[in-house]
Amino acid sequence: MSLRTRFCDLVGIELPVVQAPIGGPCVPALAAAVSNAGGLGMLAVSWDDPQRLAERVARTAEATGKPFGVNVILQWPQQERVTRCLAAGVRIVSTFWGDPAPYTAMIHDAGAVHLHTVASAAEARAAVAAGVDVIVAQGREAGGHVWGDVGTLPLVPAVVDAVAPVPVVAAGGIADGRGLAAVLALGAEAAWIGTRFLLAEEAATADAYRRAVAAAAETDTVHGIVFDKGWPDAPHRALRNSTIRAWEAAGRPAPGQRPGEDDVVGTWLDGQSVPRYADRAPLIGATGDTEAMALYAGQSAGSVHRTQPAADIVAEIAAEAEGVFAARSRS
């Protein structure tokens, strides 16, 4: 069967596979590779200064003639970044962690599509009422920053029913074609996949981070507020590492009372010191104890073990999903 959905038609892609905006690891080479393979590549631009944002959008556009998107976190005002992205020709904008209403008109005025991430049917209805074009339903299994408490399996059909006929993209715990087939069966029109792409050859994932994801079991992630220096009061899911183990052993104390609170565990690529509990994940070029930094990953890490080109990841997910549907149709 064809995997093409209404969401694919809306954003101009061939396959219902979205590379989630996984922070620093989703560099232009990764986003472009996913888009070139028929999926939707995404850039995370929430922290970019104007020059860096322009450079990253331009490099992505140069590497692919196909659609790609940007994501912004609405914890702080993002009008300037969204305006610059739209002026640069970006036509897919994803928002998260806040009210999408102030951004919908400016996105639509540029002829762009507005995606917004939610964690409940009520939030989905409010986003659609504000004019959002596509809802991303994020389950608690997701890696990185996690907005809600409902798992993907019950959340997706609830959101689909709440906002039909608005397209819904499923996020959280999806890493292969079986997961894609499952959420399509639930009524979603694409899968939003992050952890699998941490191991893409093009991703800027630091070596220690990459090894930790590849070695992880499905039980090796922790949900809570641990890596909060830079983004306080924001629950997230990360791999259990030395920092989290020490925090758990101390009884999960609140910020300011955690073990090693004043430690410096390494240095970023730009030369800045990395405090323990910093919110940024380690990228290629970071030095020091990178294993102790924020190793964001979802529970799907238990089925992600190989480094592959991004194009192979997209193709493998699509082929496996097609195989699932073909096998069911024969049974």
C-alpha atoms as a PDB file:
ATOM      1  CA  MET A   1       0.000   0.000   0.000  1.00  0.00           C
ATOM      2  CA  SER A   2       1.048   3.612  -0.463  1.00  0.00           C
ATOM      3  CA  LEU A   3       2.117   5.387   2.701  1.00  0.00           C
ATOM      4  CA  ARG A   4       1.321   8.803   1.280  1.00  0.00           C
ATOM      5  CA  THR A   5      -1.120  10.749   3.471  1.00  0.00           C
ATOM      6  CA  ARG A   6      -2.872  14.113   3.473  1.00  0.00           C
ATOM      7  CA  PHE A   7      -0.054  15.442   5.633  1.00  0.00           C
ATOM      8  CA  CYS A   8       2.447  14.444   2.941  1.00  0.00           C
ATOM      9  CA  ASP A   9       0.424  16.360   0.368  1.00  0.00           C
ATOM     10  CA  LEU A  10       0.066  19.392   2.633  1.00  0.00           C
ATOM     11  CA  VAL A  11       3.797  19.828   3.264  1.00  0.00           C
ATOM     12  CA  GLY A  12       5.019  18.419  -0.058  1.00  0.00           C
ATOM     13  CA  ILE A  13       6.827  15.257   1.026  1.00  0.00           C
ATOM     14  CA  GLU A  14       6.699  11.683  -0.232  1.00  0.00           C
ATOM     15  CA  LEU A  15       6.805   9.647   2.984  1.00  0.00           C
ATOM     16  CA  PRO A  16       5.097  10.225   6.364  1.00  0.00           C
ATOM     17  CA  VAL A  17       8.395  10.366   8.257  1.00  0.00           C
ATOM     18  CA  VAL A  18       9.367  13.531  10.130  1.00  0.00           C
ATOM     19  CA  GLN A  19      12.817  13.926  11.657  1.00  0.00           C
ATOM     20  CA  ALA A  20      12.054  15.528  15.007  1.00  0.00           C
ATOM     21  CA  PRO A  21      13.901  18.769  15.846  1.00  0.00           C
ATOM     22  CA  ILE A  22      16.307  17.073  18.271  1.00  0.00           C
ATOM     23  CA  GLY A  23      18.226  20.165  19.334  1.00  0.00           C
ATOM     24  CA  GLY A  24      21.886  20.527  18.437  1.00  0.00           C
ATOM     25  CA  PRO A  25      22.265  17.150  16.705  1.00  0.00           C
ATOM     26  CA  CYS A  26      19.872  18.155  13.894  1.00  0.00           C
ATOM     27  CA  VAL A  27      22.333  20.101  11.786  1.00  0.00           C
ATOM     28  CA  PRO A  28      21.619  21.174   8.190  1.00  0.00           C
ATOM     29  CA  ALA A  29      23.229  18.036   6.769  1.00  0.00           C
ATOM     30  CA  LEU A  30      20.780  15.856   8.696  1.00  0.00           C
ATOM     31  CA  ALA A  31      17.670  17.856   7.865  1.00  0.00           C
ATOM     32  CA  ALA A  32      18.616  18.005   4.186  1.00  0.00           C
ATOM     33  CA  ALA A  33      19.378  14.283   4.022  1.00  0.00           C
ATOM     34  CA  VAL A  34      15.984  13.384   5.484  1.00  0.00           C
ATOM     35  CA  SER A  35      14.179  15.717   3.087  1.00  0.00           C
ATOM     36  CA  ASN A  36      16.155  14.397   0.120  1.00  0.00           C
ATOM     37  CA  ALA A  37      15.076  10.885   1.118  1.00  0.00           C
ATOM     38  CA  GLY A  38      11.402  11.852   0.932  1.00  0.00           C
ATOM     39  CA  GLY A  39      10.744  12.644   4.587  1.00  0.00           C
ATOM     40  CA  LEU A  40      10.598  15.992   6.345  1.00  0.00           C
ATOM     41  CA  GLY A  41      13.843  17.280   7.821  1.00  0.00           C
ATOM     42  CA  MET A  42      13.672  19.781  10.660  1.00  0.00           C
ATOM     43  CA  LEU A  43      16.002  22.351  12.229  1.00  0.00           C
ATOM     44  CA  ALA A  44      15.769  23.413  15.885  1.00  0.00           C
ATOM     45  CA  VAL A  45      16.363  27.179  15.859  1.00  0.00           C
ATOM     46  CA  SER A  46      15.092  28.324  19.260  1.00  0.00           C
ATOM     47  CA  TRP A  47      18.501  29.462  20.493  1.00  0.00           C
ATOM     48  CA  ASP A  48      20.040  30.660  17.214  1.00  0.00           C
ATOM     49  CA  ASP A  49      21.240  34.234  16.886  1.00  0.00           C
ATOM     50  CA  PRO A  50      20.283  35.959  13.596  1.00  0.00           C
ATOM     51  CA  GLN A  51      23.538  35.142  11.806  1.00  0.00           C
ATOM     52  CA  ARG A  52      23.590  31.492  12.845  1.00  0.00           C
ATOM     53  CA  LEU A  53      19.909  31.087  11.973  1.00  0.00           C
ATOM     54  CA  ALA A  54      20.405  32.567   8.507  1.00  0.00           C
ATOM     55  CA  GLU A  55      23.463  30.404   7.872  1.00  0.00           C
ATOM     56  CA  ARG A  56      21.776  27.185   8.958  1.00  0.00           C
ATOM     57  CA  VAL A  57      18.611  27.800   6.944  1.00  0.00           C
ATOM     58  CA  ALA A  58      20.677  28.737   3.879  1.00  0.00           C
ATOM     59  CA  ARG A  59      22.912  25.659   4.176  1.00  0.00           C
ATOM     60  CA  THR A  60      19.872  23.396   4.438  1.00  0.00           C
ATOM     61  CA  ALA A  61      18.204  25.017   1.445  1.00  0.00           C
ATOM     62  CA  GLU A  62      21.397  24.651  -0.591  1.00  0.00           C
ATOM     63  CA  ALA A  63      21.614  20.943   0.267  1.00  0.00           C
ATOM     64  CA  THR A  64      18.023  20.094  -0.640  1.00  0.00           C
ATOM     65  CA  GLY A  65      15.502  21.419  -3.084  1.00  0.00           C
ATOM     66  CA  LYS A  66      12.768  19.726  -1.084  1.00  0.00           C
ATOM     67  CA  PRO A  67      10.687  21.025   1.832  1.00  0.00           C
ATOM     68  CA  PHE A  68      12.174  21.246   5.314  1.00  0.00           C
ATOM     69  CA  GLY A  69      10.935  22.888   8.480  1.00  0.00           C
ATOM     70  CA  VAL A  70      12.043  24.774  11.572  1.00  0.00           C
ATOM     71  CA  ASN A  71      10.969  24.402  15.181  1.00  0.00           C
ATOM     72  CA  VAL A  72      10.784  27.048  17.891  1.00  0.00           C
ATOM     73  CA  ILE A  73      10.144  26.712  21.614  1.00  0.00           C
ATOM     74  CA  LEU A  74       7.554  29.215  22.858  1.00  0.00           C
ATOM     75  CA  GLN A  75       8.939  29.423  26.395  1.00  0.00           C
ATOM     76  CA  TRP A  76      10.192  32.849  25.311  1.00  0.00           C
ATOM     77  CA  PRO A  77       9.193  35.219  22.464  1.00  0.00           C
ATOM     78  CA  GLN A  78      10.097  33.836  19.029  1.00  0.00           C
ATOM     79  CA  GLN A  79       8.537  36.350  16.636  1.00  0.00           C
ATOM     80  CA  GLU A  80      11.907  37.552  15.349  1.00  0.00           C
ATOM     81  CA  ARG A  81      13.194  34.052  14.612  1.00  0.00           C
ATOM     82  CA  VAL A  82       9.961  33.016  12.927  1.00  0.00           C
ATOM     83  CA  THR A  83       9.966  36.196  10.825  1.00  0.00           C
ATOM     84  CA  ARG A  84      13.556  35.593   9.721  1.00  0.00           C
ATOM     85  CA  CYS A  85      12.834  31.971   8.819  1.00  0.00           C
ATOM     86  CA  LEU A  86       9.785  32.921   6.773  1.00  0.00           C
ATOM     87  CA  ALA A  87      11.725  35.685   5.029  1.00  0.00           C
ATOM     88  CA  ALA A  88      14.385  33.106   4.137  1.00  0.00           C
ATOM     89  CA  GLY A  89      11.779  30.944   2.412  1.00  0.00           C
ATOM     90  CA  VAL A  90      10.968  28.383   5.098  1.00  0.00           C
ATOM     91  CA  ARG A  91       7.399  27.226   4.597  1.00  0.00           C
ATOM     92  CA  ILE A  92       6.949  24.760   7.473  1.00  0.00           C
ATOM     93  CA  VAL A  93       7.093  26.098  11.038  1.00  0.00           C
ATOM     94  CA  SER A  94       6.643  23.970  14.138  1.00  0.00           C
ATOM     95  CA  THR A  95       5.950  25.435  17.577  1.00  0.00           C
ATOM     96  CA  PHE A  96       6.089  23.816  21.021  1.00  0.00           C
ATOM     97  CA  TRP A  97       5.844  24.580  24.731  1.00  0.00           C
ATOM     98  CA  GLY A  98       3.495  27.550  24.710  1.00  0.00           C
ATOM     99  CA  ASP A  99       0.603  29.320  23.035  1.00  0.00           C
ATOM    100  CA  PRO A 100       0.691  29.055  19.227  1.00  0.00           C
ATOM    101  CA  ALA A 101      -1.969  31.718  18.648  1.00  0.00           C
ATOM    102  CA  PRO A 102       0.380  34.742  18.327  1.00  0.00           C
ATOM    103  CA  TYR A 103       2.285  32.999  15.521  1.00  0.00           C
ATOM    104  CA  THR A 104      -0.426  31.542  13.295  1.00  0.00           C
ATOM    105  CA  ALA A 105      -1.278  34.693  11.329  1.00  0.00           C
ATOM    106  CA  MET A 106       2.341  35.536  10.529  1.00  0.00           C
ATOM    107  CA  ILE A 107       2.973  31.961   9.403  1.00  0.00           C
ATOM    108  CA  HIS A 108      -0.118  31.889   7.212  1.00  0.00           C
ATOM    109  CA  ASP A 109       0.555  35.347   5.784  1.00  0.00           C
ATOM    110  CA  ALA A 110       3.821  33.954   4.421  1.00  0.00           C
ATOM    111  CA  GLY A 111       2.031  31.006   2.844  1.00  0.00           C
ATOM    112  CA  ALA A 112       3.543  28.593   5.340  1.00  0.00           C
ATOM    113  CA  VAL A 113       2.138  25.639   7.288  1.00  0.00           C
ATOM    114  CA  HIS A 114       1.927  25.804  11.084  1.00  0.00           C
ATOM    115  CA  LEU A 115       2.478  22.649  13.156  1.00  0.00           C
ATOM    116  CA  HIS A 116       2.054  22.713  16.936  1.00  0.00           C
ATOM    117  CA  THR A 117       2.889  20.055  19.525  1.00  0.00           C
ATOM    118  CA  VAL A 118       0.322  19.150  22.189  1.00  0.00           C
ATOM    119  CA  ALA A 119      -0.105  16.566  24.917  1.00  0.00           C
ATOM    120  CA  SER A 120      -3.898  16.353  25.238  1.00  0.00           C
ATOM    121  CA  ALA A 121      -7.059  16.479  23.178  1.00  0.00           C
ATOM    122  CA  ALA A 122      -8.063  19.734  24.884  1.00  0.00           C
ATOM    123  CA  GLU A 123      -4.794  21.386  23.883  1.00  0.00           C
ATOM    124  CA  ALA A 124      -5.258  20.096  20.346  1.00  0.00           C
ATOM    125  CA  ARG A 125      -8.723  21.638  20.088  1.00  0.00           C
ATOM    126  CA  ALA A 126      -7.396  24.972  21.371  1.00  0.00           C
ATOM    127  CA  ALA A 127      -4.546  24.947  18.850  1.00  0.00           C
ATOM    128  CA  VAL A 128      -6.901  24.226  15.969  1.00  0.00           C
ATOM    129  CA  ALA A 129      -9.212  27.003  17.152  1.00  0.00           C
ATOM    130  CA  ALA A 130      -6.191  29.314  16.969  1.00  0.00           C
ATOM    131  CA  GLY A 131      -5.661  28.325  13.341  1.00  0.00           C
ATOM    132  CA  VAL A 132      -2.901  25.704  13.568  1.00  0.00           C
ATOM    133  CA  ASP A 133      -2.789  23.507  10.446  1.00  0.00           C
ATOM    134  CA  VAL A 134      -1.279  20.287  11.833  1.00  0.00           C
ATOM    135  CA  ILE A 135      -1.237  18.873  15.360  1.00  0.00           C
ATOM    136  CA  VAL A 136       1.761  16.946  16.662  1.00  0.00           C
ATOM    137  CA  ALA A 137       0.588  14.665  19.489  1.00  0.00           C
ATOM    138  CA  GLN A 138       3.561  13.976  21.759  1.00  0.00           C
ATOM    139  CA  GLY A 139       3.362  10.955  24.056  1.00  0.00           C
ATOM    140  CA  ARG A 140       5.256  10.668  27.320  1.00  0.00           C
ATOM    141  CA  GLU A 141       7.630   8.082  25.820  1.00  0.00           C
ATOM    142  CA  ALA A 142       9.333  10.826  23.832  1.00  0.00           C
ATOM    143  CA  GLY A 143      12.896  11.901  24.429  1.00  0.00           C
ATOM    144  CA  GLY A 144      14.050  15.413  25.143  1.00  0.00           C
ATOM    145  CA  HIS A 145      11.577  17.881  26.591  1.00  0.00           C
ATOM    146  CA  VAL A 146       8.182  16.302  27.169  1.00  0.00           C
ATOM    147  CA  TRP A 147       5.091  18.451  27.552  1.00  0.00           C
ATOM    148  CA  GLY A 148       2.554  16.007  29.024  1.00  0.00           C
ATOM    149  CA  ASP A 149       1.878  12.744  30.841  1.00  0.00           C
ATOM    150  CA  VAL A 150      -0.194  10.629  28.425  1.00  0.00           C
ATOM    151  CA  GLY A 151       1.391   7.811  26.443  1.00  0.00           C
ATOM    152  CA  THR A 152       1.391   7.840  22.648  1.00  0.00           C
ATOM    153  CA  LEU A 153      -1.009   4.897  22.259  1.00  0.00           C
ATOM    154  CA  PRO A 154      -3.961   6.509  24.098  1.00  0.00           C
ATOM    155  CA  LEU A 155      -3.068  10.080  23.121  1.00  0.00           C
ATOM    156  CA  VAL A 156      -3.027   9.782  19.344  1.00  0.00           C
ATOM    157  CA  PRO A 157      -6.580   8.473  18.792  1.00  0.00           C
ATOM    158  CA  ALA A 158      -7.934  10.938  21.350  1.00  0.00           C
ATOM    159  CA  VAL A 159      -6.324  13.833  19.487  1.00  0.00           C
ATOM    160  CA  VAL A 160      -7.308  12.471  16.072  1.00  0.00           C
ATOM    161  CA  ASP A 161     -10.944  12.276  17.169  1.00  0.00           C
ATOM    162  CA  ALA A 162     -10.818  15.708  18.798  1.00  0.00           C
ATOM    163  CA  VAL A 163      -9.582  17.662  15.777  1.00  0.00           C
ATOM    164  CA  ALA A 164     -10.692  15.673  12.704  1.00  0.00           C
ATOM    165  CA  PRO A 165     -10.224  16.384   9.832  1.00  0.00           C
ATOM    166  CA  VAL A 166      -7.076  18.330  10.832  1.00  0.00           C
ATOM    167  CA  PRO A 167      -4.008  16.117  10.247  1.00  0.00           C
ATOM    168  CA  VAL A 168      -2.251  14.689  13.296  1.00  0.00           C
ATOM    169  CA  VAL A 169       1.393  13.616  13.499  1.00  0.00           C
ATOM    170  CA  ALA A 170       2.303  11.131  16.241  1.00  0.00           C
ATOM    171  CA  ALA A 171       5.394  11.619  18.410  1.00  0.00           C
ATOM    172  CA  GLY A 172       6.931   9.586  21.194  1.00  0.00           C
ATOM    173  CA  GLY A 173       8.359   6.075  21.226  1.00  0.00           C
ATOM    174  CA  ILE A 174       8.450   5.591  17.439  1.00  0.00           C
ATOM    175  CA  ALA A 175      11.699   4.403  15.890  1.00  0.00           C
ATOM    176  CA  ASP A 176      10.902   1.950  13.104  1.00  0.00           C
ATOM    177  CA  GLY A 177       8.361   0.942  10.512  1.00  0.00           C
ATOM    178  CA  ARG A 178       6.304  -1.026  12.990  1.00  0.00           C
ATOM    179  CA  GLY A 179       5.831   2.142  15.022  1.00  0.00           C
ATOM    180  CA  LEU A 180       4.954   4.121  11.906  1.00  0.00           C
ATOM    181  CA  ALA A 181       2.392   1.501  10.874  1.00  0.00           C
ATOM    182  CA  ALA A 182       0.935   1.503  14.378  1.00  0.00           C
ATOM    183  CA  VAL A 183       0.353   5.260  14.535  1.00  0.00           C
ATOM    184  CA  LEU A 184      -1.034   5.340  10.993  1.00  0.00           C
ATOM    185  CA  ALA A 185      -3.512   2.677  12.114  1.00  0.00           C
ATOM    186  CA  LEU A 186      -4.432   4.936  15.041  1.00  0.00           C
ATOM    187  CA  GLY A 187      -5.344   7.689  12.604  1.00  0.00           C
ATOM    188  CA  ALA A 188      -2.131   9.720  12.565  1.00  0.00           C
ATOM    189  CA  GLU A 189      -0.807  10.859   9.195  1.00  0.00           C
ATOM    190  CA  ALA A 190       2.923  10.742   9.946  1.00  0.00           C
ATOM    191  CA  ALA A 191       5.424   9.803  12.620  1.00  0.00           C
ATOM    192  CA  TRP A 192       7.676  12.329  14.368  1.00  0.00           C
ATOM    193  CA  ILE A 193      10.919  10.433  15.043  1.00  0.00           C
ATOM    194  CA  GLY A 194      13.823  11.764  17.099  1.00  0.00           C
ATOM    195  CA  THR A 195      15.898   9.149  18.914  1.00  0.00           C
ATOM    196  CA  ARG A 196      16.498   7.046  15.792  1.00  0.00           C
ATOM    197  CA  PHE A 197      18.021  10.054  14.027  1.00  0.00           C
ATOM    198  CA  LEU A 198      20.507  10.676  16.852  1.00  0.00           C
ATOM    199  CA  LEU A 199      22.423   7.780  15.288  1.00  0.00           C
ATOM    200  CA  ALA A 200      22.223   9.096  11.736  1.00  0.00           C
ATOM    201  CA  GLU A 201      25.658   9.557  10.215  1.00  0.00           C
ATOM    202  CA  GLU A 202      24.841  13.202   9.500  1.00  0.00           C
ATOM    203  CA  ALA A 203      23.764  14.040  13.075  1.00  0.00           C
ATOM    204  CA  ALA A 204      26.149  16.093  15.231  1.00  0.00           C
ATOM    205  CA  THR A 205      25.691  13.696  18.156  1.00  0.00           C
ATOM    206  CA  ALA A 206      28.868  13.434  20.296  1.00  0.00           C
ATOM    207  CA  ASP A 207      30.551  10.027  20.272  1.00  0.00           C
ATOM    208  CA  ALA A 208      29.806   9.232  23.937  1.00  0.00           C
ATOM    209  CA  TYR A 209      26.171  10.225  23.414  1.00  0.00           C
ATOM    210  CA  ARG A 210      25.947   8.092  20.281  1.00  0.00           C
ATOM    211  CA  ARG A 211      27.421   5.077  22.074  1.00  0.00           C
ATOM    212  CA  ALA A 212      25.042   5.489  25.009  1.00  0.00           C
ATOM    213  CA  VAL A 213      21.977   5.547  22.744  1.00  0.00           C
ATOM    214  CA  ALA A 214      23.175   2.510  20.805  1.00  0.00           C
ATOM    215  CA  ALA A 215      23.746   0.530  24.014  1.00  0.00           C
ATOM    216  CA  ALA A 216      20.512   1.531  25.764  1.00  0.00           C
ATOM    217  CA  ALA A 217      17.599  -0.698  26.683  1.00  0.00           C
ATOM    218  CA  GLU A 218      14.018   0.538  26.720  1.00  0.00           C
ATOM    219  CA  THR A 219      14.271   0.845  30.520  1.00  0.00           C
ATOM    220  CA  ASP A 220      17.355   3.089  30.495  1.00  0.00           C
ATOM    221  CA  THR A 221      15.681   6.489  30.289  1.00  0.00           C
ATOM    222  CA  VAL A 222      14.483   8.732  33.107  1.00  0.00           C
ATOM    223  CA  HIS A 223      11.676  11.303  33.002  1.00  0.00           C
ATOM    224  CA  GLY A 224      11.974  14.291  35.317  1.00  0.00           C
ATOM    225  CA  ILE A 225      13.595  17.687  35.775  1.00  0.00           C
ATOM    226  CA  VAL A 226      17.334  17.107  35.941  1.00  0.00           C
ATOM    227  CA  PHE A 227      19.126  19.039  33.206  1.00  0.00           C
ATOM    228  CA  ASP A 228      17.508  22.385  33.900  1.00  0.00           C
ATOM    229  CA  LYS A 229      20.339  24.934  33.825  1.00  0.00           C
ATOM    230  CA  GLY A 230      19.338  27.051  30.859  1.00  0.00           C
ATOM    231  CA  TRP A 231      15.720  25.893  30.740  1.00  0.00           C
ATOM    232  CA  PRO A 232      14.206  25.577  34.242  1.00  0.00           C
ATOM    233  CA  ASP A 233      10.997  23.778  35.193  1.00  0.00           C
ATOM    234  CA  ALA A 234      10.847  21.827  31.944  1.00  0.00           C
ATOM    235  CA  PRO A 235      10.338  18.038  32.324  1.00  0.00           C
ATOM    236  CA  HIS A 236      12.384  15.908  29.957  1.00  0.00           C
ATOM    237  CA  ARG A 237      13.487  12.352  29.235  1.00  0.00           C
ATOM    238  CA  ALA A 238      17.161  11.412  29.041  1.00  0.00           C
ATOM    239  CA  LEU A 239      19.360   8.357  29.300  1.00  0.00           C
ATOM    240  CA  ARG A 240      20.384   7.372  32.809  1.00  0.00           C
ATOM    241  CA  ASN A 241      24.037   8.446  33.062  1.00  0.00           C
ATOM    242  CA  SER A 242      26.457   9.243  35.883  1.00  0.00           C
ATOM    243  CA  THR A 243      24.743  12.546  36.656  1.00  0.00           C
ATOM    244  CA  ILE A 244      21.272  11.001  36.855  1.00  0.00           C
ATOM    245  CA  ARG A 245      22.483   8.008  38.867  1.00  0.00           C
ATOM    246  CA  ALA A 246      24.030  10.310  41.492  1.00  0.00           C
ATOM    247  CA  TRP A 247      20.830  12.393  41.576  1.00  0.00           C
ATOM    248  CA  GLU A 248      18.680   9.277  42.013  1.00  0.00           C
ATOM    249  CA  ALA A 249      20.976   7.903  44.716  1.00  0.00           C
ATOM    250  CA  ALA A 250      20.571  11.176  46.627  1.00  0.00           C
ATOM    251  CA  GLY A 251      16.788  10.837  46.539  1.00  0.00           C
ATOM    252  CA  ARG A 252      16.088  13.064  43.516  1.00  0.00           C
ATOM    253  CA  PRO A 253      16.651  16.360  45.375  1.00  0.00           C
ATOM    254  CA  ALA A 254      15.431  19.669  43.992  1.00  0.00           C
ATOM    255  CA  PRO A 255      17.667  22.028  41.996  1.00  0.00           C
ATOM    256  CA  GLY A 256      20.209  23.695  44.235  1.00  0.00           C
ATOM    257  CA  GLN A 257      20.494  20.612  46.447  1.00  0.00           C
ATOM    258  CA  ARG A 258      21.765  18.045  43.941  1.00  0.00           C
ATOM    259  CA  PRO A 259      25.105  16.233  44.013  1.00  0.00           C
ATOM    260  CA  GLY A 260      27.835  18.118  42.161  1.00  0.00           C
ATOM    261  CA  GLU A 261      25.643  21.161  41.650  1.00  0.00           C
ATOM    262  CA  ASP A 262      28.664  23.420  41.079  1.00  0.00           C
ATOM    263  CA  ASP A 263      30.713  20.973  38.984  1.00  0.00           C
ATOM    264  CA  VAL A 264      32.011  21.842  35.545  1.00  0.00           C
ATOM    265  CA  VAL A 265      31.918  18.656  33.476  1.00  0.00           C
ATOM    266  CA  GLY A 266      33.311  19.848  30.156  1.00  0.00           C
ATOM    267  CA  THR A 267      33.504  22.467  27.439  1.00  0.00           C
ATOM    268  CA  TRP A 268      31.224  23.163  24.492  1.00  0.00           C
ATOM    269  CA  LEU A 269      32.516  23.475  20.962  1.00  0.00           C
ATOM    270  CA  ASP A 270      32.336  27.276  21.352  1.00  0.00           C
ATOM    271  CA  GLY A 271      34.622  27.156  24.389  1.00  0.00           C
ATOM    272  CA  GLN A 272      31.953  27.748  27.037  1.00  0.00           C
ATOM    273  CA  SER A 273      32.142  25.699  30.217  1.00  0.00           C
ATOM    274  CA  VAL A 274      29.460  23.051  30.717  1.00  0.00           C
ATOM    275  CA  PRO A 275      28.015  22.987  34.248  1.00  0.00           C
ATOM    276  CA  ARG A 276      26.585  19.749  35.540  1.00  0.00           C
ATOM    277  CA  TYR A 277      22.813  19.768  34.949  1.00  0.00           C
ATOM    278  CA  ALA A 278      23.126  22.035  31.874  1.00  0.00           C
ATOM    279  CA  ASP A 279      20.232  21.643  29.452  1.00  0.00           C
ATOM    280  CA  ARG A 280      22.337  21.267  26.291  1.00  0.00           C
ATOM    281  CA  ALA A 281      23.227  17.840  24.887  1.00  0.00           C
ATOM    282  CA  PRO A 282      26.853  17.110  23.909  1.00  0.00           C
ATOM    283  CA  LEU A 283      27.692  17.585  20.245  1.00  0.00           C
ATOM    284  CA  ILE A 284      30.710  16.657  18.170  1.00  0.00           C
ATOM    285  CA  GLY A 285      33.597  18.793  19.401  1.00  0.00           C
ATOM    286  CA  ALA A 286      32.494  18.990  23.042  1.00  0.00           C
ATOM    287  CA  THR A 287      35.244  17.960  25.459  1.00  0.00           C
ATOM    288  CA  GLY A 288      35.404  16.653  29.009  1.00  0.00           C
ATOM    289  CA  ASP A 289      33.041  14.181  30.620  1.00  0.00           C
ATOM    290  CA  THR A 290      30.441  14.231  27.862  1.00  0.00           C
ATOM    291  CA  GLU A 291      28.792  11.084  29.277  1.00  0.00           C
ATOM    292  CA  ALA A 292      27.715  13.196  32.279  1.00  0.00           C
ATOM    293  CA  MET A 293      25.874  15.736  30.120  1.00  0.00           C
ATOM    294  CA  ALA A 294      22.219  15.688  29.031  1.00  0.00           C
ATOM    295  CA  LEU A 295      21.810  12.591  26.872  1.00  0.00           C
ATOM    296  CA  TYR A 296      18.252  13.145  25.708  1.00  0.00           C
ATOM    297  CA  ALA A 297      16.558  10.052  24.292  1.00  0.00           C
ATOM    298  CA  GLY A 298      13.152   8.424  24.234  1.00  0.00           C
ATOM    299  CA  GLN A 299      12.119   4.977  25.360  1.00  0.00           C
ATOM    300  CA  SER A 300      12.527   3.825  21.756  1.00  0.00           C
ATOM    301  CA  ALA A 301      16.285   3.892  22.396  1.00  0.00           C
ATOM    302  CA  GLY A 302      15.913   0.216  23.249  1.00  0.00           C
ATOM    303  CA  SER A 303      15.414  -0.541  19.555  1.00  0.00           C
ATOM    304  CA  VAL A 304      17.980   1.904  18.141  1.00  0.00           C
ATOM    305  CA  HIS A 305      21.426   0.354  17.869  1.00  0.00           C
ATOM    306  CA  ARG A 306      23.067   1.192  14.518  1.00  0.00           C
ATOM    307  CA  THR A 307      24.595   4.252  12.932  1.00  0.00           C
ATOM    308  CA  GLN A 308      23.216   4.639   9.401  1.00  0.00           C
ATOM    309  CA  PRO A 309      22.915   7.332   6.752  1.00  0.00           C
ATOM    310  CA  ALA A 310      19.717   9.306   7.287  1.00  0.00           C
ATOM    311  CA  ALA A 311      18.441   8.263   3.856  1.00  0.00           C
ATOM    312  CA  ASP A 312      18.759   4.609   4.843  1.00  0.00           C
ATOM    313  CA  ILE A 313      16.841   5.252   8.065  1.00  0.00           C
ATOM    314  CA  VAL A 314      13.963   6.868   6.172  1.00  0.00           C
ATOM    315  CA  ALA A 315      13.886   4.124   3.541  1.00  0.00           C
ATOM    316  CA  GLU A 316      14.066   1.348   6.121  1.00  0.00           C
ATOM    317  CA  ILE A 317      11.218   2.805   8.194  1.00  0.00           C
ATOM    318  CA  ALA A 318       9.019   3.207   5.123  1.00  0.00           C
ATOM    319  CA  ALA A 319       9.771  -0.270   3.769  1.00  0.00           C
ATOM    320  CA  GLU A 320       9.090  -1.904   7.127  1.00  0.00           C
ATOM    321  CA  ALA A 321       5.764  -0.072   7.503  1.00  0.00           C
ATOM    322  CA  GLU A 322       4.732  -1.142   4.006  1.00  0.00           C
ATOM    323  CA  GLY A 323       5.668  -4.702   4.903  1.00  0.00           C
ATOM    324  CA  VAL A 324       3.536  -4.591   8.059  1.00  0.00           C
ATOM    325  CA  PHE A 325       0.462  -3.500   6.100  1.00  0.00           C
ATOM    326  CA  ALA A 326       1.123  -6.003   3.321  1.00  0.00           C
ATOM    327  CA  ALA A 327       1.423  -8.862   5.816  1.00  0.00           C
ATOM    328  CA  ARG A 328      -1.815  -7.875   7.550  1.00  0.00           C
ATOM    329  CA  SER A 329      -3.673  -7.666   4.242  1.00  0.00           C
ATOM    330  CA  ARG A 330      -2.666 -11.251   3.431  1.00  0.00           C
ATOM    331  CA  SER A 331      -3.690 -12.668   6.792  1.00  0.00           C
END
